[in-house]
Amino acid sequence: MKRRYVQLDVFADRPGAGNPLAVVLDAEGLDDAAMQAIARWTRLPETTFVFPPADAGASYRVRMFSPRREVPFAGHPSVGTAHVVLDEGLAQPSDGLLVQEGVAGCLPLRIEGSGAARTIAVRTPRAKLVERVAACDPRIAPSLSGLRLGTLPPALMDGGRRWWLAEVASEADLRTAQPDWDAISTLAASTETMGLCAFARADAGRDYQLVVRAFVGAPARFEDAASGAANATLAAWLAHNDALPGTGGTYVVSQGREVGFDARLQLRVDGAGDVWSGGHVRTVVRGEIDW
């Protein structure tokens, strides 16, 4: 059976700058094994599968798979899937919102603008502080070796996926940092986390306020090109410390340059303390998948 298939660049103002995503529409009839096999075959960070909603209040239902396993929630697949749903006419916003049904529940996505100027942001699951630690804590210290650290202490946050967060002293320090993959992999495996999300305040005059590098330590070792979920977890930590950059709870993140990308993520912490993670999306491939 042939199904509509789309590949995207998420958190990007142009093809090649953001985080790639595959979206399979008309996914009824695909079982778990088939979806996992397709996600393994695409070899992209995530592949999503779109179904009619089961919840009467939802616009559509989605399941997300990495090449290795199903993912309960991730930011760039949520934003990218909403983009495809809109372009394919499968749902229309109500009061500027779509509602995505998934493993993590029903989550709203805010739609602003149209065409190439359209931005989509998902309200992410609430993140909570697990613990804050000293930089010399033996669990995280090896991963921070050689880094000049910033003001905030390292912390472990849980936003559905658990991340260790660490502030680096400057943009230059972070951009030139060489990750110790053995240390980060050990940190991720021993603490059941994704790994280390390091951040720094941007230099003056940039079109972004924060620089982020997200080092995934397990089960694979790679640097994420643009992670909406990691950035949302970081935004919650910054809000917890009254340390948000930008103005009015809104700021822009630069991520991915060090691995050949140039993503921009738009973060907003609203008056209720909820974090919205989003940006632009570009469609790169439209076609069919015959599986």
Protein backbone atom coordinates (compact mmCIF):
# COMPACT_ATOMS: atom_id res chain seq x y z
CA MET A 1 0.00 0.00 0.00
CA LYS A 2 1.32 3.42 -0.95
CA ARG A 3 1.09 6.17 1.65
CA ARG A 4 1.86 9.88 1.43
CA TYR A 5 5.38 10.61 2.63
CA VAL A 6 7.03 13.96 3.44
CA GLN A 7 10.54 14.92 4.57
CA LEU A 8 11.10 18.21 6.35
CA ASP A 9 13.67 20.50 7.84
CA VAL A 10 12.44 21.65 11.27
CA PHE A 11 13.56 24.80 13.11
CA ALA A 12 14.96 26.06 9.81
CA ASP A 13 14.41 29.08 7.58
CA ARG A 14 15.96 27.21 4.64
CA PRO A 15 16.57 23.58 3.63
CA GLY A 16 19.62 22.03 5.27
CA ALA A 17 19.74 24.28 8.31
CA GLY A 18 17.50 22.45 10.78
CA ASN A 19 16.68 18.98 12.07
CA PRO A 20 15.35 16.50 9.46
CA LEU A 21 12.11 14.61 9.97
CA ALA A 22 10.09 12.06 7.99
CA VAL A 23 6.29 12.02 8.21
CA VAL A 24 4.15 9.11 7.00
CA LEU A 25 0.49 9.98 6.44
CA ASP A 26 -2.39 7.50 6.04
CA ALA A 27 -0.65 5.30 8.62
CA GLU A 28 -3.66 3.09 9.43
CA GLY A 29 -2.75 -0.57 9.01
CA LEU A 30 0.88 -0.20 10.01
CA ASP A 31 1.69 -2.17 13.15
CA ASP A 32 4.43 -1.38 15.66
CA ALA A 33 6.99 -3.55 13.92
CA ALA A 34 6.36 -1.92 10.54
CA MET A 35 6.60 1.61 11.96
CA GLN A 36 9.84 0.76 13.72
CA ALA A 37 11.20 -0.78 10.52
CA ILE A 38 10.34 2.31 8.49
CA ALA A 39 11.96 4.57 11.08
CA ARG A 40 15.07 2.42 11.01
CA TRP A 41 15.09 2.56 7.21
CA THR A 42 14.77 6.37 6.96
CA ARG A 43 17.79 6.71 9.28
CA LEU A 44 16.53 10.14 10.37
CA PRO A 45 16.43 11.30 14.00
CA GLU A 46 12.69 10.63 14.10
CA THR A 47 9.92 9.45 11.81
CA THR A 48 6.28 10.16 12.67
CA PHE A 49 3.08 8.38 11.67
CA VAL A 50 -0.22 10.23 11.44
CA PHE A 51 -3.60 8.67 12.31
CA PRO A 52 -7.14 9.97 12.81
CA PRO A 53 -7.61 11.13 16.41
CA ALA A 54 -9.13 8.86 19.03
CA ASP A 55 -9.79 11.80 21.36
CA ALA A 56 -12.70 13.98 20.27
CA GLY A 57 -10.78 17.13 21.24
CA ALA A 58 -7.68 16.33 19.16
CA SER A 59 -6.89 17.42 15.60
CA TYR A 60 -4.92 14.26 14.76
CA ARG A 61 -3.00 11.44 16.43
CA VAL A 62 0.73 10.85 16.04
CA ARG A 63 3.27 8.20 16.97
CA MET A 64 6.99 8.97 16.92
CA PHE A 65 9.87 6.56 16.35
CA SER A 66 13.61 6.98 16.38
CA PRO A 67 15.60 4.38 14.43
CA ARG A 68 15.84 2.38 17.68
CA ARG A 69 12.59 2.81 19.60
CA GLU A 70 9.27 4.61 20.00
CA VAL A 71 9.56 8.10 21.49
CA PRO A 72 6.76 9.33 23.81
CA PHE A 73 7.38 13.00 23.00
CA ALA A 74 9.88 15.11 21.10
CA GLY A 75 9.76 18.73 20.02
CA HIS A 76 10.91 18.76 16.42
CA PRO A 77 8.67 15.81 15.40
CA SER A 78 5.67 17.57 16.97
CA VAL A 79 6.33 20.85 15.17
CA GLY A 80 7.13 19.16 11.85
CA THR A 81 4.10 16.85 11.92
CA ALA A 82 1.78 19.80 12.54
CA HIS A 83 3.30 21.55 9.51
CA VAL A 84 2.47 18.56 7.29
CA VAL A 85 -1.03 18.15 8.71
CA LEU A 86 -1.74 21.79 7.87
CA ASP A 87 -0.24 21.62 4.38
CA GLU A 88 -2.16 18.44 3.56
CA GLY A 89 -5.45 19.91 4.80
CA LEU A 90 -5.98 17.20 7.42
CA ALA A 91 -6.88 19.72 10.15
CA GLN A 92 -7.41 23.42 10.60
CA PRO A 93 -6.46 25.51 13.65
CA SER A 94 -9.16 26.56 16.08
CA ASP A 95 -8.39 29.90 17.73
CA GLY A 96 -4.87 29.53 16.35
CA LEU A 97 -4.31 26.09 17.89
CA LEU A 98 -4.03 22.49 16.75
CA VAL A 99 -4.21 19.69 19.31
CA GLN A 100 -1.85 16.75 18.90
CA GLU A 101 -2.82 13.43 20.44
CA GLY A 102 0.07 11.14 21.31
CA VAL A 103 1.68 8.93 23.92
CA ALA A 104 2.34 12.02 26.06
CA GLY A 105 -1.34 13.01 25.94
CA CYS A 106 -3.03 15.85 24.08
CA LEU A 107 -0.76 18.84 23.53
CA PRO A 108 -1.67 22.16 21.87
CA LEU A 109 0.38 23.70 19.09
CA ARG A 110 0.18 27.42 18.38
CA ILE A 111 0.10 28.42 14.69
CA GLU A 112 1.19 31.97 13.79
CA GLY A 113 1.52 33.51 10.34
CA SER A 114 1.24 31.76 7.00
CA GLY A 115 3.36 30.56 4.12
CA ALA A 116 7.11 30.76 4.56
CA ALA A 117 6.63 33.07 7.55
CA ARG A 118 4.51 30.56 9.48
CA THR A 119 5.80 29.44 12.87
CA ILE A 120 4.56 26.48 14.87
CA ALA A 121 5.20 25.97 18.58
CA VAL A 122 4.22 23.05 20.79
CA ARG A 123 3.38 23.44 24.48
CA THR A 124 5.75 20.93 25.97
CA PRO A 125 5.08 18.64 28.95
CA ARG A 126 6.00 20.32 32.23
CA ALA A 127 9.60 19.74 33.24
CA LYS A 128 10.63 19.35 36.85
CA LEU A 129 13.89 19.72 38.70
CA VAL A 130 15.30 16.38 39.86
CA GLU A 131 18.43 17.77 41.51
CA ARG A 132 21.05 20.45 41.26
CA VAL A 133 24.66 19.49 41.86
CA ALA A 134 28.13 20.95 42.21
CA ALA A 135 30.38 20.80 39.16
CA CYS A 136 32.65 18.47 41.12
CA ASP A 137 29.89 15.86 41.53
CA PRO A 138 31.59 12.63 40.42
CA ARG A 139 28.73 11.69 38.11
CA ILE A 140 28.96 14.80 35.91
CA ALA A 141 32.48 16.13 36.53
CA PRO A 142 34.17 14.00 33.83
CA SER A 143 31.72 15.32 31.20
CA LEU A 144 32.52 18.92 32.19
CA SER A 145 36.29 18.51 32.19
CA GLY A 146 38.01 21.34 30.33
CA LEU A 147 34.93 23.58 30.23
CA ARG A 148 34.81 27.03 31.82
CA LEU A 149 31.43 27.03 33.50
CA GLY A 150 28.92 29.84 33.87
CA THR A 151 26.90 31.13 36.80
CA LEU A 152 24.16 28.53 37.21
CA PRO A 153 25.07 25.18 38.80
CA PRO A 154 24.65 21.95 36.80
CA ALA A 155 21.23 20.38 37.20
CA LEU A 156 19.25 17.30 36.26
CA MET A 157 15.82 18.07 34.79
CA ASP A 158 13.02 15.73 33.75
CA GLY A 159 10.79 16.89 30.90
CA GLY A 160 9.68 13.44 29.77
CA ARG A 161 13.27 12.88 28.76
CA ARG A 162 15.88 13.55 31.45
CA TRP A 163 18.78 15.87 30.66
CA TRP A 164 21.79 17.09 32.59
CA LEU A 165 22.12 20.85 32.03
CA ALA A 166 25.30 22.90 32.38
CA GLU A 167 25.98 26.58 31.71
CA VAL A 168 29.25 27.38 29.93
CA ALA A 169 31.00 30.71 30.49
CA SER A 170 30.87 32.05 26.94
CA GLU A 171 29.62 31.38 23.42
CA ALA A 172 33.19 30.86 22.21
CA ASP A 173 33.92 28.34 24.97
CA LEU A 174 30.83 26.32 24.06
CA ARG A 175 31.27 26.43 20.29
CA THR A 176 34.88 25.20 20.50
CA ALA A 177 34.22 22.54 23.16
CA GLN A 178 35.21 18.99 22.29
CA PRO A 179 32.84 16.53 24.00
CA ASP A 180 34.29 13.60 25.91
CA TRP A 181 32.00 10.94 24.47
CA ASP A 182 33.13 8.22 26.84
CA ALA A 183 32.30 10.42 29.83
CA ILE A 184 28.97 11.57 28.39
CA SER A 185 27.97 8.03 27.48
CA THR A 186 28.78 6.85 31.00
CA LEU A 187 26.81 9.77 32.47
CA ALA A 188 23.77 8.97 30.33
CA ALA A 189 23.80 5.24 31.00
CA SER A 190 24.51 5.45 34.74
CA THR A 191 21.85 8.10 35.44
CA GLU A 192 19.23 6.96 32.87
CA THR A 193 19.36 10.28 31.04
CA MET A 194 19.78 11.48 27.47
CA GLY A 195 23.16 13.01 28.26
CA LEU A 196 24.44 16.57 28.58
CA CYS A 197 22.77 19.75 27.30
CA ALA A 198 25.30 22.59 27.53
CA PHE A 199 24.33 26.23 26.98
CA ALA A 200 25.86 29.69 26.93
CA ARG A 201 24.68 33.28 26.63
CA ALA A 202 25.15 34.61 23.10
CA ASP A 203 27.62 37.35 22.25
CA ALA A 204 26.14 40.82 21.75
CA GLY A 205 24.68 41.63 18.35
CA ARG A 206 23.54 38.11 17.46
CA ASP A 207 20.07 37.27 16.12
CA TYR A 208 19.75 34.76 18.97
CA GLN A 209 20.13 35.02 22.75
CA LEU A 210 21.33 31.52 23.67
CA VAL A 211 23.63 28.89 22.18
CA VAL A 212 22.87 25.23 22.92
CA ARG A 213 24.69 21.97 22.26
CA ALA A 214 22.92 18.73 23.17
CA PHE A 215 25.18 15.69 23.50
CA VAL A 216 23.19 12.43 23.46
CA GLY A 217 25.17 9.74 25.25
CA ALA A 218 23.03 6.61 25.11
CA PRO A 219 22.03 4.37 23.46
CA ALA A 220 23.78 6.14 20.57
CA ARG A 221 26.44 8.87 20.74
CA PHE A 222 25.67 11.97 18.71
CA GLU A 223 25.18 15.72 18.92
CA ASP A 224 21.59 16.74 18.22
CA ALA A 225 21.17 19.26 15.40
CA ALA A 226 18.16 20.93 17.02
CA SER A 227 16.18 19.57 19.97
CA GLY A 228 12.86 21.17 20.85
CA ALA A 229 12.41 18.97 23.93
CA ALA A 230 15.92 19.57 25.31
CA ASN A 231 15.51 23.31 24.81
CA ALA A 232 12.11 23.27 26.49
CA THR A 233 13.61 21.48 29.49
CA LEU A 234 16.38 24.08 29.58
CA ALA A 235 13.82 26.91 29.37
CA ALA A 236 12.05 25.50 32.43
CA TRP A 237 15.36 25.43 34.32
CA LEU A 238 16.14 29.02 33.35
CA ALA A 239 12.65 30.15 34.35
CA HIS A 240 13.06 28.32 37.69
CA ASN A 241 16.13 30.48 38.33
CA ASP A 242 14.67 33.76 36.96
CA ALA A 243 17.46 33.61 34.40
CA LEU A 244 15.62 33.66 31.07
CA PRO A 245 17.39 35.57 28.28
CA GLY A 246 15.54 37.80 25.83
CA THR A 247 12.49 39.80 26.84
CA GLY A 248 9.01 38.88 28.04
CA GLY A 249 9.90 35.22 28.47
CA THR A 250 10.71 34.88 24.76
CA TYR A 251 14.11 34.16 23.22
CA VAL A 252 15.84 32.51 20.25
CA VAL A 253 18.34 29.63 20.40
CA SER A 254 21.12 28.84 17.95
CA GLN A 255 21.91 25.13 17.73
CA GLY A 256 23.61 22.74 15.34
CA ARG A 257 26.45 24.75 13.78
CA GLU A 258 29.07 22.46 15.23
CA VAL A 259 27.60 19.47 13.35
CA GLY A 260 26.94 21.24 10.04
CA PHE A 261 23.48 22.75 10.65
CA ASP A 262 22.27 26.23 11.65
CA ALA A 263 18.92 25.88 13.40
CA ARG A 264 16.93 28.58 15.15
CA LEU A 265 14.46 27.61 17.87
CA GLN A 266 11.95 30.02 19.35
CA LEU A 267 11.25 29.48 23.06
CA ARG A 268 8.57 31.14 25.14
CA VAL A 269 7.63 30.71 28.79
CA ASP A 270 4.08 31.99 29.24
CA GLY A 271 2.44 33.53 32.28
CA ALA A 272 1.30 30.12 33.53
CA GLY A 273 4.87 28.81 33.43
CA ASP A 274 4.29 26.58 30.41
CA VAL A 275 7.08 26.32 27.83
CA TRP A 276 6.37 26.62 24.11
CA SER A 277 9.06 25.36 21.72
CA GLY A 278 8.86 26.09 18.02
CA GLY A 279 10.08 27.78 14.87
CA HIS A 280 9.88 27.61 11.09
CA VAL A 281 9.58 24.42 9.03
CA ARG A 282 10.58 23.78 5.41
CA THR A 283 9.23 20.93 3.27
CA VAL A 284 12.02 19.30 1.25
CA VAL A 285 10.53 16.06 -0.16
CA ARG A 286 6.95 15.10 -1.09
CA GLY A 287 6.02 11.70 -2.42
CA GLU A 288 4.83 8.23 -1.48
CA ILE A 289 6.26 5.39 0.53
CA ASP A 290 5.48 1.90 -0.75
CA TRP A 291 5.93 -0.42 2.24
